[in-house]
C-alpha atoms as a PDB file:
ATOM      1  CA  MET A   1       3.652 -12.226  -0.660  1.00  0.00           C
ATOM      2  CA  ILE A   2       3.641 -12.438  -4.421  1.00  0.00           C
ATOM      3  CA  ASN A   3       6.302 -11.060  -6.714  1.00  0.00           C
ATOM      4  CA  ALA A   4       4.254  -9.347  -9.366  1.00  0.00           C
ATOM      5  CA  ASP A   5       7.179  -8.689 -11.663  1.00  0.00           C
ATOM      6  CA  ALA A   6      10.902  -9.222 -11.882  1.00  0.00           C
ATOM      7  CA  GLN A   7      12.817  -7.072  -9.429  1.00  0.00           C
ATOM      8  CA  THR A   8      14.608  -4.377 -11.381  1.00  0.00           C
ATOM      9  CA  PRO A   9      17.116  -2.247  -9.464  1.00  0.00           C
ATOM     10  CA  ASP A  10      16.359   0.979 -11.343  1.00  0.00           C
ATOM     11  CA  ARG A  11      12.624   0.860 -10.601  1.00  0.00           C
ATOM     12  CA  ARG A  12      10.937   2.092  -7.444  1.00  0.00           C
ATOM     13  CA  ARG A  13       9.425  -0.862  -5.595  1.00  0.00           C
ATOM     14  CA  VAL A  14       5.773  -0.583  -4.516  1.00  0.00           C
ATOM     15  CA  LEU A  15       3.963  -3.010  -2.237  1.00  0.00           C
ATOM     16  CA  VAL A  16       0.364  -3.328  -3.475  1.00  0.00           C
ATOM     17  CA  VAL A  17      -1.842  -4.340  -0.538  1.00  0.00           C
ATOM     18  CA  GLU A  18      -5.283  -5.442  -1.721  1.00  0.00           C
ATOM     19  CA  ASP A  19      -7.407  -8.478  -0.885  1.00  0.00           C
ATOM     20  CA  GLU A  20      -9.508  -8.404  -4.070  1.00  0.00           C
ATOM     21  CA  ALA A  21      -7.398 -10.458  -6.491  1.00  0.00           C
ATOM     22  CA  ALA A  22      -8.591  -8.721  -9.664  1.00  0.00           C
ATOM     23  CA  VAL A  23      -7.959  -5.244  -8.261  1.00  0.00           C
ATOM     24  CA  GLN A  24      -4.592  -6.312  -6.863  1.00  0.00           C
ATOM     25  CA  ALA A  25      -3.454  -7.802 -10.180  1.00  0.00           C
ATOM     26  CA  SER A  26      -4.688  -4.929 -12.328  1.00  0.00           C
ATOM     27  CA  LEU A  27      -3.255  -2.208 -10.056  1.00  0.00           C
ATOM     28  CA  ALA A  28       0.104  -4.019  -9.930  1.00  0.00           C
ATOM     29  CA  ALA A  29       0.097  -4.372 -13.731  1.00  0.00           C
ATOM     30  CA  PHE A  30      -0.787  -0.685 -14.152  1.00  0.00           C
ATOM     31  CA  LEU A  31       2.018   0.432 -11.828  1.00  0.00           C
ATOM     32  CA  THR A  32       4.497  -1.935 -13.514  1.00  0.00           C
ATOM     33  CA  HIS A  33       3.519  -0.504 -16.894  1.00  0.00           C
ATOM     34  CA  HIS A  34       4.273   2.968 -15.491  1.00  0.00           C
ATOM     35  CA  GLY A  35       7.777   2.146 -14.322  1.00  0.00           C
ATOM     36  CA  PHE A  36       7.403   0.617 -10.861  1.00  0.00           C
ATOM     37  CA  SER A  37       8.491  -2.785  -9.634  1.00  0.00           C
ATOM     38  CA  THR A  38       5.652  -4.302  -7.612  1.00  0.00           C
ATOM     39  CA  LEU A  39       5.125  -6.815  -4.859  1.00  0.00           C
ATOM     40  CA  ARG A  40       1.669  -7.892  -3.753  1.00  0.00           C
ATOM     41  CA  ALA A  41       0.090  -8.783  -0.420  1.00  0.00           C
ATOM     42  CA  ALA A  42      -3.511  -9.650   0.427  1.00  0.00           C
ATOM     43  CA  SER A  43      -3.564  -9.894   4.223  1.00  0.00           C
ATOM     44  CA  VAL A  44      -2.118  -8.217   7.300  1.00  0.00           C
ATOM     45  CA  ASP A  45       0.360 -11.058   7.874  1.00  0.00           C
ATOM     46  CA  GLU A  46       1.516 -10.994   4.233  1.00  0.00           C
ATOM     47  CA  VAL A  47       2.125  -7.227   4.470  1.00  0.00           C
ATOM     48  CA  LEU A  48       4.103  -7.479   7.695  1.00  0.00           C
ATOM     49  CA  SER A  49       6.128 -10.374   6.305  1.00  0.00           C
ATOM     50  CA  ALA A  50       6.876  -8.423   3.124  1.00  0.00           C
ATOM     51  CA  LEU A  51       7.957  -5.336   5.064  1.00  0.00           C
ATOM     52  CA  ASN A  52      10.318  -7.441   7.168  1.00  0.00           C
ATOM     53  CA  GLY A  53      11.694  -9.265   4.134  1.00  0.00           C
ATOM     54  CA  VAL A  54      12.348  -6.669   1.461  1.00  0.00           C
ATOM     55  CA  ARG A  55      12.729  -2.898   1.175  1.00  0.00           C
ATOM     56  CA  VAL A  56       9.886  -1.097  -0.572  1.00  0.00           C
ATOM     57  CA  ASP A  57       9.816   2.532  -1.670  1.00  0.00           C
ATOM     58  CA  ALA A  58       6.045   3.033  -1.371  1.00  0.00           C
ATOM     59  CA  VAL A  59       2.851   1.194  -0.412  1.00  0.00           C
ATOM     60  CA  THR A  60      -0.696   1.220  -1.731  1.00  0.00           C
ATOM     61  CA  LEU A  61      -2.889   0.081   1.127  1.00  0.00           C
ATOM     62  CA  ASP A  62      -6.455  -1.147   1.291  1.00  0.00           C
ATOM     63  CA  ILE A  63      -7.959  -0.655   4.737  1.00  0.00           C
ATOM     64  CA  HIS A  64     -10.151  -3.764   4.899  1.00  0.00           C
ATOM     65  CA  ILE A  65      -7.763  -6.672   4.483  1.00  0.00           C
ATOM     66  CA  PRO A  66      -7.987 -10.103   6.110  1.00  0.00           C
ATOM     67  CA  ASP A  67      -6.225 -10.826   9.385  1.00  0.00           C
ATOM     68  CA  GLU A  68      -5.705 -14.562   9.777  1.00  0.00           C
ATOM     69  CA  SER A  69      -4.349 -14.102  13.310  1.00  0.00           C
ATOM     70  CA  GLY A  70      -7.800 -13.300  14.683  1.00  0.00           C
ATOM     71  CA  LEU A  71      -6.529 -10.043  16.187  1.00  0.00           C
ATOM     72  CA  ASN A  72      -8.906  -8.029  14.006  1.00  0.00           C
ATOM     73  CA  ARG A  73      -6.120  -5.855  12.615  1.00  0.00           C
ATOM     74  CA  SER A  74      -6.735  -3.709   9.539  1.00  0.00           C
ATOM     75  CA  GLY A  75      -4.820  -1.549   7.129  1.00  0.00           C
ATOM     76  CA  PHE A  76      -4.667   1.052   9.894  1.00  0.00           C
ATOM     77  CA  ALA A  77      -2.723  -1.390  12.084  1.00  0.00           C
ATOM     78  CA  VAL A  78      -0.328  -1.945   9.179  1.00  0.00           C
ATOM     79  CA  LEU A  79       0.122   1.795   8.725  1.00  0.00           C
ATOM     80  CA  GLN A  80       0.777   2.282  12.437  1.00  0.00           C
ATOM     81  CA  ALA A  81       3.282  -0.597  12.466  1.00  0.00           C
ATOM     82  CA  MET A  82       5.075   0.870   9.455  1.00  0.00           C
ATOM     83  CA  ARG A  83       5.478   4.226  11.157  1.00  0.00           C
ATOM     84  CA  LEU A  84       7.151   2.503  14.119  1.00  0.00           C
ATOM     85  CA  MET A  85       9.758   0.868  11.855  1.00  0.00           C
ATOM     86  CA  PRO A  86      12.735   3.166  11.171  1.00  0.00           C
ATOM     87  CA  LEU A  87      12.960   1.851   7.599  1.00  0.00           C
ATOM     88  CA  TYR A  88       9.312   2.728   6.900  1.00  0.00           C
ATOM     89  CA  GLU A  89       8.569   5.736   9.080  1.00  0.00           C
ATOM     90  CA  ARG A  90       8.591   8.055   6.044  1.00  0.00           C
ATOM     91  CA  VAL A  91       7.774   5.710   3.158  1.00  0.00           C
ATOM     92  CA  PRO A  92       4.901   7.066   1.045  1.00  0.00           C
ATOM     93  CA  VAL A  93       1.565   5.322   1.659  1.00  0.00           C
ATOM     94  CA  VAL A  94      -1.503   5.747  -0.521  1.00  0.00           C
ATOM     95  CA  ILE A  95      -4.632   4.343   1.070  1.00  0.00           C
ATOM     96  CA  PHE A  96      -6.765   3.049  -1.801  1.00  0.00           C
ATOM     97  CA  THR A  97     -10.133   2.104  -0.366  1.00  0.00           C
ATOM     98  CA  GLY A  98     -13.679   1.543  -1.512  1.00  0.00           C
ATOM     99  CA  ILE A  99     -15.258   2.584   1.773  1.00  0.00           C
ATOM    100  CA  GLN A 100     -15.989   6.066   2.995  1.00  0.00           C
ATOM    101  CA  LEU A 101     -13.796   6.479   6.045  1.00  0.00           C
ATOM    102  CA  PRO A 102     -15.141   8.303   9.091  1.00  0.00           C
ATOM    103  CA  SER A 103     -13.491  11.710   9.458  1.00  0.00           C
ATOM    104  CA  LYS A 104     -11.598  10.583  12.577  1.00  0.00           C
ATOM    105  CA  ASP A 105     -10.058   7.713  10.570  1.00  0.00           C
ATOM    106  CA  GLU A 106      -9.171  10.061   7.705  1.00  0.00           C
ATOM    107  CA  ASP A 107      -7.542  12.458  10.171  1.00  0.00           C
ATOM    108  CA  HIS A 108      -5.658   9.570  11.788  1.00  0.00           C
ATOM    109  CA  ALA A 109      -4.395   8.299   8.418  1.00  0.00           C
ATOM    110  CA  ARG A 110      -3.257  11.765   7.401  1.00  0.00           C
ATOM    111  CA  SER A 111      -1.534  12.275  10.759  1.00  0.00           C
ATOM    112  CA  LEU A 112       0.499   9.160   9.899  1.00  0.00           C
ATOM    113  CA  GLY A 113       1.468  10.677   6.553  1.00  0.00           C
ATOM    114  CA  ALA A 114      -0.881   8.697   4.306  1.00  0.00           C
ATOM    115  CA  VAL A 115      -2.823  10.056   1.357  1.00  0.00           C
ATOM    116  CA  ILE A 116      -6.340   8.701   0.768  1.00  0.00           C
ATOM    117  CA  VAL A 117      -7.639   7.856  -2.705  1.00  0.00           C
ATOM    118  CA  GLN A 118     -11.242   6.739  -2.785  1.00  0.00           C
ATOM    119  CA  LYS A 119     -12.233   3.890  -5.112  1.00  0.00           C
ATOM    120  CA  PRO A 120     -13.515   3.938  -7.795  1.00  0.00           C
ATOM    121  CA  LEU A 121     -11.122   6.754  -8.740  1.00  0.00           C
ATOM    122  CA  SER A 122      -8.804   5.613 -11.453  1.00  0.00           C
ATOM    123  CA  TYR A 123      -5.461   3.962 -10.933  1.00  0.00           C
ATOM    124  CA  LYS A 124      -4.011   7.134 -12.442  1.00  0.00           C
ATOM    125  CA  ALA A 125      -4.969   8.960  -9.234  1.00  0.00           C
ATOM    126  CA  VAL A 126      -2.937   6.387  -7.264  1.00  0.00           C
ATOM    127  CA  LEU A 127      -0.026   6.752  -9.714  1.00  0.00           C
ATOM    128  CA  ASP A 128      -0.115  10.537  -9.427  1.00  0.00           C
ATOM    129  CA  CYS A 129      -0.062  10.332  -5.617  1.00  0.00           C
ATOM    130  CA  LEU A 130       2.838   7.868  -5.626  1.00  0.00           C
ATOM    131  CA  ASN A 131       4.837  10.065  -7.990  1.00  0.00           C
ATOM    132  CA  GLU A 132       4.111  13.210  -5.997  1.00  0.00           C
ATOM    133  CA  LEU A 133       4.893  11.610  -2.623  1.00  0.00           C
ATOM    134  CA  SER A 134       8.065   9.988  -3.950  1.00  0.00           C
ATOM    135  CA  ALA A 135       9.309  13.332  -5.266  1.00  0.00           C
ATOM    136  CA  ASN A 136       9.091  14.913  -1.789  1.00  0.00           C
END
């Protein structure tokens, strides 16, 4: 897990989950510029470690992230695990992915309370979703 910026108590904390370093860094910088405190993770194990180590207010989640354990877990496994944790069962999740998800996967993600933003939509679309979900 990488601290992308200094932790500021008056800012909402977002965990940016993305395995492409350039996308991860630029999305974290964009969200920081727009008033969020960000943490970054690039693999399933980093995400799970972050969620067990610090409270986050929202998550941006790429679906295809590495799983060093060999269990072939994905962003969907992370989302499912989050929804089983009392601390994260209602935390806003924006799936930010570059792949077209099959309709059954989209339905599954939505049933778990996630919003899907398809890359290459702008980071503003992610920001708008985070703001809207956080307001509810």
